[in-house]
């Protein structure tokens, strides 16, 4: 009877250790799967939303820079032409 009881206790301890090990492994795998899913969702979000938005912002900045350069160049040209072709309205009296 004692030997059988000892055998059952050993079996119960081994079973408990196996269950604990399986739970730890499964929990760890579950955590890894959850992390992988979250990583995939973030990766998808970055590729679908952030990168196109970044490209749009970069393109917008380039267009703004180009427009500013053109407008400043035209402004400088108009100033130069206005100064070059300007005729004084009244004679300059030095005195």
N, C-alpha and C. Protein backbone atom coordinates (compact mmCIF):
# COMPACT_ATOMS: atom_id res chain seq x y z
N UNK A 1 0.84 -1.20 0.00
CA UNK A 1 0.00 0.00 0.00
C UNK A 1 0.88 1.26 0.00
N UNK A 2 1.92 1.27 0.83
CA UNK A 2 2.80 2.44 0.91
C UNK A 2 3.54 2.62 -0.41
N UNK A 3 3.96 1.51 -0.99
CA UNK A 3 4.68 1.59 -2.27
C UNK A 3 3.76 2.14 -3.36
N UNK A 4 2.52 1.69 -3.36
CA UNK A 4 1.56 2.16 -4.36
C UNK A 4 1.28 3.65 -4.13
N UNK A 5 1.12 4.06 -2.87
CA UNK A 5 0.88 5.46 -2.55
C UNK A 5 2.09 6.33 -2.94
N UNK A 6 3.28 5.83 -2.68
CA UNK A 6 4.50 6.53 -3.08
C UNK A 6 4.55 6.68 -4.59
N UNK A 7 4.19 5.62 -5.31
CA UNK A 7 4.17 5.65 -6.76
C UNK A 7 3.17 6.69 -7.26
N UNK A 8 1.99 6.77 -6.63
CA UNK A 8 0.97 7.74 -7.03
C UNK A 8 1.44 9.18 -6.75
N UNK A 9 2.11 9.38 -5.62
CA UNK A 9 2.64 10.71 -5.30
C UNK A 9 3.70 11.12 -6.32
N UNK A 10 4.58 10.18 -6.66
CA UNK A 10 5.62 10.48 -7.66
C UNK A 10 4.96 10.79 -9.00
N UNK A 11 3.96 10.01 -9.37
CA UNK A 11 3.24 10.27 -10.62
C UNK A 11 2.58 11.65 -10.59
N UNK A 12 1.96 11.99 -9.44
CA UNK A 12 1.29 13.29 -9.32
C UNK A 12 2.31 14.43 -9.42
N UNK A 13 3.48 14.27 -8.79
CA UNK A 13 4.52 15.29 -8.86
C UNK A 13 5.03 15.43 -10.29
N UNK A 14 5.28 14.29 -10.96
CA UNK A 14 5.74 14.35 -12.35
C UNK A 14 4.68 14.99 -13.25
N UNK A 15 3.43 14.61 -13.01
CA UNK A 15 2.33 15.21 -13.78
C UNK A 15 2.26 16.72 -13.55
N UNK A 16 2.39 17.15 -12.30
CA UNK A 16 2.36 18.58 -11.99
C UNK A 16 3.52 19.32 -12.65
N UNK A 17 4.70 18.71 -12.62
CA UNK A 17 5.85 19.33 -13.28
C UNK A 17 5.63 19.42 -14.79
N UNK A 18 5.08 18.35 -15.37
CA UNK A 18 4.80 18.36 -16.81
C UNK A 18 3.77 19.44 -17.15
N UNK A 19 2.72 19.53 -16.33
CA UNK A 19 1.70 20.55 -16.58
C UNK A 19 2.30 21.95 -16.45
N UNK A 20 3.12 22.15 -15.43
CA UNK A 20 3.77 23.44 -15.23
C UNK A 20 4.67 23.78 -16.42
N UNK A 21 5.44 22.80 -16.87
CA UNK A 21 6.32 23.01 -18.02
C UNK A 21 5.52 23.34 -19.27
N UNK A 22 4.46 22.57 -19.51
CA UNK A 22 3.63 22.81 -20.69
C UNK A 22 2.99 24.19 -20.61
N UNK A 23 2.49 24.55 -19.43
CA UNK A 23 1.87 25.87 -19.30
C UNK A 23 2.89 26.98 -19.55
N UNK A 24 4.10 26.79 -19.02
CA UNK A 24 5.13 27.81 -19.24
C UNK A 24 5.48 27.92 -20.73
N UNK A 25 5.66 26.77 -21.37
CA UNK A 25 6.01 26.77 -22.79
C UNK A 25 4.87 27.35 -23.62
N UNK A 26 3.64 26.91 -23.32
CA UNK A 26 2.49 27.40 -24.08
C UNK A 26 2.30 28.90 -23.84
N UNK A 27 2.46 29.33 -22.58
CA UNK A 27 2.32 30.75 -22.29
C UNK A 27 3.39 31.56 -23.01
N UNK A 28 4.61 31.04 -23.01
CA UNK A 28 5.70 31.73 -23.70
C UNK A 28 5.41 31.79 -25.21
N UNK A 29 4.97 30.66 -25.77
CA UNK A 29 4.63 30.65 -27.20
C UNK A 29 3.46 31.59 -27.48
N UNK A 30 2.47 31.58 -26.59
CA UNK A 30 1.33 32.48 -26.74
C UNK A 30 1.80 33.93 -26.73
N UNK A 31 2.69 34.26 -25.81
CA UNK A 31 3.23 35.62 -25.75
C UNK A 31 3.99 35.96 -27.03
N UNK A 32 4.76 35.01 -27.53
CA UNK A 32 5.50 35.25 -28.77
C UNK A 32 4.56 35.44 -29.95
N UNK A 33 3.49 34.64 -29.99
CA UNK A 33 2.51 34.77 -31.08
C UNK A 33 1.82 36.13 -30.99
N UNK A 34 1.44 36.53 -29.77
CA UNK A 34 0.81 37.84 -29.61
C UNK A 34 1.77 38.95 -30.03
N UNK A 35 3.02 38.85 -29.62
CA UNK A 35 4.01 39.85 -30.02
C UNK A 35 4.20 39.87 -31.54
N UNK A 36 4.22 38.70 -32.15
CA UNK A 36 4.38 38.61 -33.60
C UNK A 36 3.18 39.25 -34.31
N UNK A 37 1.97 38.99 -33.80
CA UNK A 37 0.77 39.58 -34.40
C UNK A 37 0.80 41.10 -34.25
N UNK A 38 1.16 41.58 -33.05
CA UNK A 38 1.26 43.02 -32.85
C UNK A 38 2.33 43.64 -33.75
N UNK A 39 3.46 42.97 -33.87
CA UNK A 39 4.52 43.45 -34.76
C UNK A 39 4.03 43.50 -36.20
N UNK A 40 3.31 42.48 -36.62
CA UNK A 40 2.78 42.46 -37.99
C UNK A 40 1.79 43.59 -38.21
N UNK A 41 0.94 43.85 -37.22
CA UNK A 41 -0.03 44.95 -37.35
C UNK A 41 0.67 46.30 -37.42
N UNK A 42 1.69 46.49 -36.58
CA UNK A 42 2.44 47.74 -36.61
C UNK A 42 3.18 47.88 -37.93
N UNK A 43 3.76 46.79 -38.40
CA UNK A 43 4.46 46.81 -39.69
C UNK A 43 3.51 47.16 -40.82
N UNK A 44 2.32 46.56 -40.79
CA UNK A 44 1.31 46.86 -41.81
C UNK A 44 0.88 48.32 -41.73
N UNK A 45 0.68 48.80 -40.51
CA UNK A 45 0.29 50.20 -40.33
C UNK A 45 1.37 51.14 -40.87
N UNK A 46 2.63 50.82 -40.57
CA UNK A 46 3.72 51.66 -41.04
C UNK A 46 3.79 51.66 -42.56
N UNK A 47 3.68 50.48 -43.16
CA UNK A 47 3.81 50.40 -44.61
C UNK A 47 2.59 50.97 -45.34
N UNK A 48 1.41 50.84 -44.75
CA UNK A 48 0.19 51.29 -45.43
C UNK A 48 -0.14 52.75 -45.15
N UNK A 49 0.26 53.26 -44.00
CA UNK A 49 -0.16 54.61 -43.60
C UNK A 49 1.03 55.56 -43.49
N UNK A 50 2.02 55.19 -42.70
CA UNK A 50 3.09 56.13 -42.38
C UNK A 50 3.97 56.41 -43.60
N UNK A 51 4.36 55.37 -44.32
CA UNK A 51 5.25 55.60 -45.47
C UNK A 51 4.58 56.40 -46.58
N UNK A 52 3.32 56.09 -46.96
CA UNK A 52 2.68 56.97 -47.95
C UNK A 52 2.52 58.40 -47.43
N UNK A 53 2.19 58.54 -46.14
CA UNK A 53 2.06 59.87 -45.56
C UNK A 53 3.40 60.59 -45.57
N UNK A 54 4.46 59.86 -45.24
CA UNK A 54 5.81 60.43 -45.27
C UNK A 54 6.17 60.85 -46.69
N UNK A 55 5.83 60.01 -47.67
CA UNK A 55 6.11 60.35 -49.07
C UNK A 55 5.33 61.59 -49.48
N UNK A 56 4.07 61.68 -49.05
CA UNK A 56 3.25 62.85 -49.38
C UNK A 56 3.85 64.11 -48.76
N UNK A 57 4.26 64.01 -47.49
CA UNK A 57 4.84 65.18 -46.82
C UNK A 57 6.14 65.59 -47.50
N UNK A 58 6.95 64.59 -47.86
CA UNK A 58 8.21 64.90 -48.54
C UNK A 58 7.95 65.56 -49.89
N UNK A 59 6.97 65.03 -50.64
CA UNK A 59 6.63 65.61 -51.94
C UNK A 59 6.07 67.02 -51.76
N UNK A 60 5.22 67.21 -50.77
CA UNK A 60 4.66 68.53 -50.49
C UNK A 60 5.77 69.51 -50.14
N UNK A 61 6.73 69.08 -49.32
CA UNK A 61 7.84 69.96 -48.95
C UNK A 61 8.67 70.33 -50.18
N UNK A 62 8.88 69.36 -51.06
CA UNK A 62 9.64 69.62 -52.28
C UNK A 62 8.91 70.62 -53.16
N UNK A 63 7.60 70.46 -53.30
CA UNK A 63 6.81 71.38 -54.12
C UNK A 63 6.83 72.78 -53.51
N UNK A 64 6.67 72.86 -52.18
CA UNK A 64 6.71 74.17 -51.52
C UNK A 64 8.07 74.84 -51.72
N UNK A 65 9.14 74.06 -51.57
CA UNK A 65 10.48 74.61 -51.78
C UNK A 65 10.65 75.10 -53.22
N UNK A 66 10.18 74.31 -54.17
CA UNK A 66 10.28 74.69 -55.58
C UNK A 66 9.47 75.95 -55.86
N UNK A 67 8.25 76.02 -55.36
CA UNK A 67 7.41 77.20 -55.57
C UNK A 67 8.05 78.43 -54.94
N UNK A 68 8.59 78.28 -53.74
CA UNK A 68 9.25 79.42 -53.09
C UNK A 68 10.44 79.89 -53.92
N UNK A 69 11.21 78.94 -54.43
CA UNK A 69 12.37 79.33 -55.26
C UNK A 69 11.92 80.08 -56.51
N UNK A 70 10.88 79.54 -57.17
CA UNK A 70 10.39 80.18 -58.40
C UNK A 70 9.83 81.56 -58.10
N UNK A 71 9.02 81.65 -57.03
CA UNK A 71 8.42 82.94 -56.68
C UNK A 71 9.50 83.95 -56.31
N UNK A 72 10.49 83.52 -55.52
CA UNK A 72 11.57 84.44 -55.16
C UNK A 72 12.38 84.86 -56.39
N UNK A 73 12.61 83.93 -57.29
CA UNK A 73 13.34 84.27 -58.52
C UNK A 73 12.54 85.25 -59.36
N UNK A 74 11.24 85.01 -59.50
CA UNK A 74 10.40 85.93 -60.26
C UNK A 74 10.34 87.29 -59.59
N UNK A 75 10.26 87.29 -58.27
CA UNK A 75 10.23 88.55 -57.53
C UNK A 75 11.52 89.32 -57.75
N UNK A 76 12.64 88.62 -57.69
CA UNK A 76 13.93 89.27 -57.93
C UNK A 76 14.01 89.80 -59.36
N UNK A 77 13.53 89.02 -60.31
CA UNK A 77 13.55 89.44 -61.71
C UNK A 77 12.67 90.68 -61.91
N UNK A 78 11.49 90.67 -61.32
CA UNK A 78 10.60 91.83 -61.43
C UNK A 78 11.24 93.06 -60.79
N UNK A 79 11.86 92.89 -59.63
CA UNK A 79 12.55 94.01 -58.99
C UNK A 79 13.67 94.55 -59.88
N UNK A 80 14.44 93.63 -60.46
CA UNK A 80 15.55 94.04 -61.32
C UNK A 80 15.03 94.80 -62.55
N UNK A 81 13.99 94.23 -63.19
CA UNK A 81 13.44 94.88 -64.38
C UNK A 81 12.82 96.23 -64.03
N UNK A 82 12.14 96.29 -62.89
CA UNK A 82 11.54 97.56 -62.48
C UNK A 82 12.62 98.60 -62.22
N UNK A 83 13.71 98.19 -61.60
CA UNK A 83 14.81 99.11 -61.34
C UNK A 83 15.51 99.50 -62.65
N UNK A 84 15.68 98.54 -63.56
CA UNK A 84 16.39 98.78 -64.81
C UNK A 84 15.61 99.73 -65.71
N UNK A 85 14.29 99.52 -65.77
CA UNK A 85 13.48 100.32 -66.67
C UNK A 85 12.83 101.51 -65.97
N UNK A 86 13.20 101.75 -64.75
CA UNK A 86 12.55 102.86 -64.04
C UNK A 86 13.04 104.19 -64.58
N UNK A 87 12.10 105.07 -64.73
CA UNK A 87 12.41 106.43 -65.18
C UNK A 87 12.00 107.35 -64.05
N UNK A 88 12.90 108.19 -63.60
CA UNK A 88 12.52 109.10 -62.51
C UNK A 88 11.38 110.01 -62.95
N UNK A 89 10.42 110.18 -62.08
CA UNK A 89 9.28 111.02 -62.42
C UNK A 89 9.65 112.51 -62.37
N UNK A 90 10.54 112.84 -61.53
CA UNK A 90 10.96 114.25 -61.44
C UNK A 90 12.48 114.29 -61.50
N UNK A 91 13.00 115.32 -62.10
CA UNK A 91 14.46 115.41 -62.15
C UNK A 91 15.04 115.55 -60.75
N UNK A 92 16.17 114.95 -60.60
CA UNK A 92 16.83 115.00 -59.32
C UNK A 92 17.56 116.34 -59.22
N UNK A 93 17.24 117.08 -58.20
CA UNK A 93 17.88 118.39 -58.01
C UNK A 93 18.93 118.23 -56.93
N UNK A 94 20.14 118.49 -57.33
CA UNK A 94 21.20 118.40 -56.32
C UNK A 94 21.47 119.80 -55.80
N UNK A 95 21.68 119.82 -54.56
CA UNK A 95 21.78 121.10 -54.11
C UNK A 95 22.54 121.72 -53.14
